[in-house]
Amino acid sequence: MKNITVYYQKKFSPDVKYSNDFSKTHTKVFEGVIKDNEDKENVFSVFNGYFSNPLSVANKFNKVCLLDDGQAVTGKDFQQAMKEGKVSCGHTSMSVGDIVSVDGTAYLCQDFGWKQLKKEVA
């Protein structure tokens, strides 16, 4: 199994400068694991499906989404927290500019494909 962390942009900005301190530009929304034969492409697919995305309102039971204070909640709760301004991002589907970290190596989602960034700071 591989550890993954998903970071969403706080505010969409195609010109943002990325460093390995994602907390300045991104908020951590998910931590979990994927199978050894899976990668960032699988994560992208999951985070863009209504029923598969843990941040989706369809997730009413699994507390795997992270609020800004680190509290784990369901996707339905995450959506409500976004409306109340308790999460520093405004979207739930993975988009250009979001980051997926797989076993500590971070990848920036681009228009086409991924750009490997420096190692994630723990």
C-alpha atoms as a PDB file:
ATOM      1  CA  MET A   1       0.000   0.000   0.000  1.00  0.00           C
ATOM      2  CA  LYS A   2       1.088   3.578  -0.689  1.00  0.00           C
ATOM      3  CA  ASN A   3       0.272   6.632   1.425  1.00  0.00           C
ATOM      4  CA  ILE A   4      -1.422   9.525  -0.330  1.00  0.00           C
ATOM      5  CA  THR A   5      -2.218  13.075   0.654  1.00  0.00           C
ATOM      6  CA  VAL A   6      -4.418  15.349  -1.430  1.00  0.00           C
ATOM      7  CA  TYR A   7      -4.034  19.132  -1.346  1.00  0.00           C
ATOM      8  CA  TYR A   8      -6.474  21.519  -3.024  1.00  0.00           C
ATOM      9  CA  GLN A   9      -5.668  25.094  -3.963  1.00  0.00           C
ATOM     10  CA  LYS A  10      -7.016  27.643  -1.513  1.00  0.00           C
ATOM     11  CA  LYS A  11      -7.684  30.034  -4.375  1.00  0.00           C
ATOM     12  CA  PHE A  12      -7.310  29.136  -8.042  1.00  0.00           C
ATOM     13  CA  SER A  13      -4.275  30.850  -9.503  1.00  0.00           C
ATOM     14  CA  PRO A  14      -2.562  29.489 -12.618  1.00  0.00           C
ATOM     15  CA  ASP A  15       0.503  31.671 -11.955  1.00  0.00           C
ATOM     16  CA  VAL A  16       1.124  30.631  -8.350  1.00  0.00           C
ATOM     17  CA  LYS A  17       4.697  29.697  -7.431  1.00  0.00           C
ATOM     18  CA  TYR A  18       4.879  26.264  -5.831  1.00  0.00           C
ATOM     19  CA  SER A  19       7.234  25.328  -3.050  1.00  0.00           C
ATOM     20  CA  ASN A  20       7.344  22.257  -0.858  1.00  0.00           C
ATOM     21  CA  ASP A  21       5.441  24.201   1.822  1.00  0.00           C
ATOM     22  CA  PHE A  22       1.989  23.607   0.396  1.00  0.00           C
ATOM     23  CA  SER A  23       0.242  25.207   3.386  1.00  0.00           C
ATOM     24  CA  LYS A  24       0.789  28.659   1.853  1.00  0.00           C
ATOM     25  CA  THR A  25      -1.164  27.913  -1.323  1.00  0.00           C
ATOM     26  CA  HIS A  26      -3.080  24.700  -0.594  1.00  0.00           C
ATOM     27  CA  THR A  27      -5.155  23.037   2.069  1.00  0.00           C
ATOM     28  CA  LYS A  28      -4.885  19.349   2.938  1.00  0.00           C
ATOM     29  CA  VAL A  29      -8.263  17.733   2.265  1.00  0.00           C
ATOM     30  CA  PHE A  30      -7.516  14.009   2.416  1.00  0.00           C
ATOM     31  CA  GLU A  31      -5.039  11.440   3.691  1.00  0.00           C
ATOM     32  CA  GLY A  32      -5.314   7.757   2.913  1.00  0.00           C
ATOM     33  CA  VAL A  33      -3.800   4.792   1.104  1.00  0.00           C
ATOM     34  CA  ILE A  34      -3.916   3.322  -2.376  1.00  0.00           C
ATOM     35  CA  LYS A  35      -2.863  -0.079  -3.682  1.00  0.00           C
ATOM     36  CA  ASP A  36       0.705  -0.614  -4.882  1.00  0.00           C
ATOM     37  CA  ASN A  37      -0.458  -0.828  -8.502  1.00  0.00           C
ATOM     38  CA  GLU A  38      -2.305   2.515  -8.293  1.00  0.00           C
ATOM     39  CA  ASP A  39      -0.922   6.017  -8.793  1.00  0.00           C
ATOM     40  CA  LYS A  40      -1.870   9.679  -9.106  1.00  0.00           C
ATOM     41  CA  GLU A  41      -4.031   8.930 -12.168  1.00  0.00           C
ATOM     42  CA  ASN A  42      -6.206   6.601 -10.099  1.00  0.00           C
ATOM     43  CA  VAL A  43      -6.481   9.269  -7.394  1.00  0.00           C
ATOM     44  CA  PHE A  44      -7.520  11.829 -10.037  1.00  0.00           C
ATOM     45  CA  SER A  45     -10.258   9.511 -11.302  1.00  0.00           C
ATOM     46  CA  VAL A  46     -11.566   8.838  -7.795  1.00  0.00           C
ATOM     47  CA  PHE A  47     -11.645  12.541  -6.902  1.00  0.00           C
ATOM     48  CA  ASN A  48     -13.659  13.333 -10.022  1.00  0.00           C
ATOM     49  CA  GLY A  49     -16.431  10.773  -9.549  1.00  0.00           C
ATOM     50  CA  TYR A  50     -19.625  11.713  -7.730  1.00  0.00           C
ATOM     51  CA  PHE A  51     -19.893   8.438  -5.819  1.00  0.00           C
ATOM     52  CA  SER A  52     -16.163   7.671  -5.529  1.00  0.00           C
ATOM     53  CA  ASN A  53     -14.948  11.103  -4.404  1.00  0.00           C
ATOM     54  CA  PRO A  54     -14.610  11.100  -0.602  1.00  0.00           C
ATOM     55  CA  LEU A  55     -15.300  14.871  -0.631  1.00  0.00           C
ATOM     56  CA  SER A  56     -18.628  14.385  -2.416  1.00  0.00           C
ATOM     57  CA  VAL A  57     -21.954  14.991  -0.713  1.00  0.00           C
ATOM     58  CA  ALA A  58     -22.650  11.335  -1.618  1.00  0.00           C
ATOM     59  CA  ASN A  59     -20.169  10.326   1.140  1.00  0.00           C
ATOM     60  CA  LYS A  60     -22.473  10.406   4.156  1.00  0.00           C
ATOM     61  CA  PHE A  61     -20.689   7.811   6.298  1.00  0.00           C
ATOM     62  CA  ASN A  62     -16.884   7.670   5.945  1.00  0.00           C
ATOM     63  CA  LYS A  63     -15.090  10.345   7.946  1.00  0.00           C
ATOM     64  CA  VAL A  64     -12.035  10.726   5.720  1.00  0.00           C
ATOM     65  CA  CYS A  65     -12.186  14.385   4.641  1.00  0.00           C
ATOM     66  CA  LEU A  66     -10.065  16.925   6.485  1.00  0.00           C
ATOM     67  CA  LEU A  67     -11.224  20.357   7.580  1.00  0.00           C
ATOM     68  CA  ASP A  68      -8.716  23.172   8.103  1.00  0.00           C
ATOM     69  CA  ASP A  69      -8.506  22.317  11.813  1.00  0.00           C
ATOM     70  CA  GLY A  70      -7.590  18.694  10.985  1.00  0.00           C
ATOM     71  CA  GLN A  71     -10.975  17.308  12.007  1.00  0.00           C
ATOM     72  CA  ALA A  72     -12.052  14.266   9.958  1.00  0.00           C
ATOM     73  CA  VAL A  73     -15.585  14.490   8.565  1.00  0.00           C
ATOM     74  CA  THR A  74     -17.779  12.918   5.884  1.00  0.00           C
ATOM     75  CA  GLY A  75     -18.032  14.377   2.383  1.00  0.00           C
ATOM     76  CA  LYS A  76     -21.482  15.690   3.207  1.00  0.00           C
ATOM     77  CA  ASP A  77     -20.040  17.471   6.267  1.00  0.00           C
ATOM     78  CA  PHE A  78     -17.109  18.734   4.170  1.00  0.00           C
ATOM     79  CA  GLN A  79     -19.522  20.319   1.675  1.00  0.00           C
ATOM     80  CA  GLN A  80     -21.391  22.059   4.505  1.00  0.00           C
ATOM     81  CA  ALA A  81     -18.105  23.253   6.025  1.00  0.00           C
ATOM     82  CA  MET A  82     -17.137  24.774   2.648  1.00  0.00           C
ATOM     83  CA  LYS A  83     -20.407  26.717   2.602  1.00  0.00           C
ATOM     84  CA  GLU A  84     -19.676  27.953   6.131  1.00  0.00           C
ATOM     85  CA  GLY A  85     -16.088  28.964   5.286  1.00  0.00           C
ATOM     86  CA  LYS A  86     -14.486  26.299   7.499  1.00  0.00           C
ATOM     87  CA  VAL A  87     -12.406  24.925   4.627  1.00  0.00           C
ATOM     88  CA  SER A  88      -9.864  26.983   2.694  1.00  0.00           C
ATOM     89  CA  CYS A  89     -10.884  25.711  -0.727  1.00  0.00           C
ATOM     90  CA  GLY A  90     -14.006  26.072  -2.777  1.00  0.00           C
ATOM     91  CA  HIS A  91     -14.184  22.869  -4.805  1.00  0.00           C
ATOM     92  CA  THR A  92     -14.411  19.125  -4.302  1.00  0.00           C
ATOM     93  CA  SER A  93     -13.381  17.707  -7.683  1.00  0.00           C
ATOM     94  CA  MET A  94      -9.658  17.533  -8.398  1.00  0.00           C
ATOM     95  CA  SER A  95      -8.584  20.327 -10.726  1.00  0.00           C
ATOM     96  CA  VAL A  96      -5.564  21.871 -12.397  1.00  0.00           C
ATOM     97  CA  GLY A  97      -3.273  23.218  -9.690  1.00  0.00           C
ATOM     98  CA  ASP A  98      -4.205  20.647  -7.054  1.00  0.00           C
ATOM     99  CA  ILE A  99      -1.502  18.379  -5.639  1.00  0.00           C
ATOM    100  CA  VAL A 100      -1.360  14.647  -4.969  1.00  0.00           C
ATOM    101  CA  SER A 101       1.450  13.282  -2.829  1.00  0.00           C
ATOM    102  CA  VAL A 102       2.241   9.575  -3.205  1.00  0.00           C
ATOM    103  CA  ASP A 103       4.599   8.213  -0.538  1.00  0.00           C
ATOM    104  CA  GLY A 104       5.981  11.725   0.003  1.00  0.00           C
ATOM    105  CA  THR A 105       6.586  12.643  -3.649  1.00  0.00           C
ATOM    106  CA  ALA A 106       4.282  15.454  -4.731  1.00  0.00           C
ATOM    107  CA  TYR A 107       2.726  15.884  -8.155  1.00  0.00           C
ATOM    108  CA  LEU A 108       1.015  19.011  -9.473  1.00  0.00           C
ATOM    109  CA  CYS A 109      -2.086  18.416 -11.601  1.00  0.00           C
ATOM    110  CA  GLN A 110      -1.636  20.254 -14.920  1.00  0.00           C
ATOM    111  CA  ASP A 111      -3.805  20.826 -17.994  1.00  0.00           C
ATOM    112  CA  PHE A 112      -2.281  17.676 -19.451  1.00  0.00           C
ATOM    113  CA  GLY A 113      -0.564  15.277 -17.078  1.00  0.00           C
ATOM    114  CA  TRP A 114       1.440  15.919 -13.944  1.00  0.00           C
ATOM    115  CA  LYS A 115       4.549  17.821 -12.896  1.00  0.00           C
ATOM    116  CA  GLN A 116       6.659  16.261 -10.179  1.00  0.00           C
ATOM    117  CA  LEU A 117       7.449  18.714  -7.396  1.00  0.00           C
ATOM    118  CA  LYS A 118      10.032  18.437  -4.649  1.00  0.00           C
ATOM    119  CA  LYS A 119       9.500  15.991  -1.822  1.00  0.00           C
ATOM    120  CA  GLU A 120       6.614  16.876   0.470  1.00  0.00           C
ATOM    121  CA  VAL A 121       7.481  18.475   3.782  1.00  0.00           C
ATOM    122  CA  ALA A 122       6.044  16.344   6.575  1.00  0.00           C
END
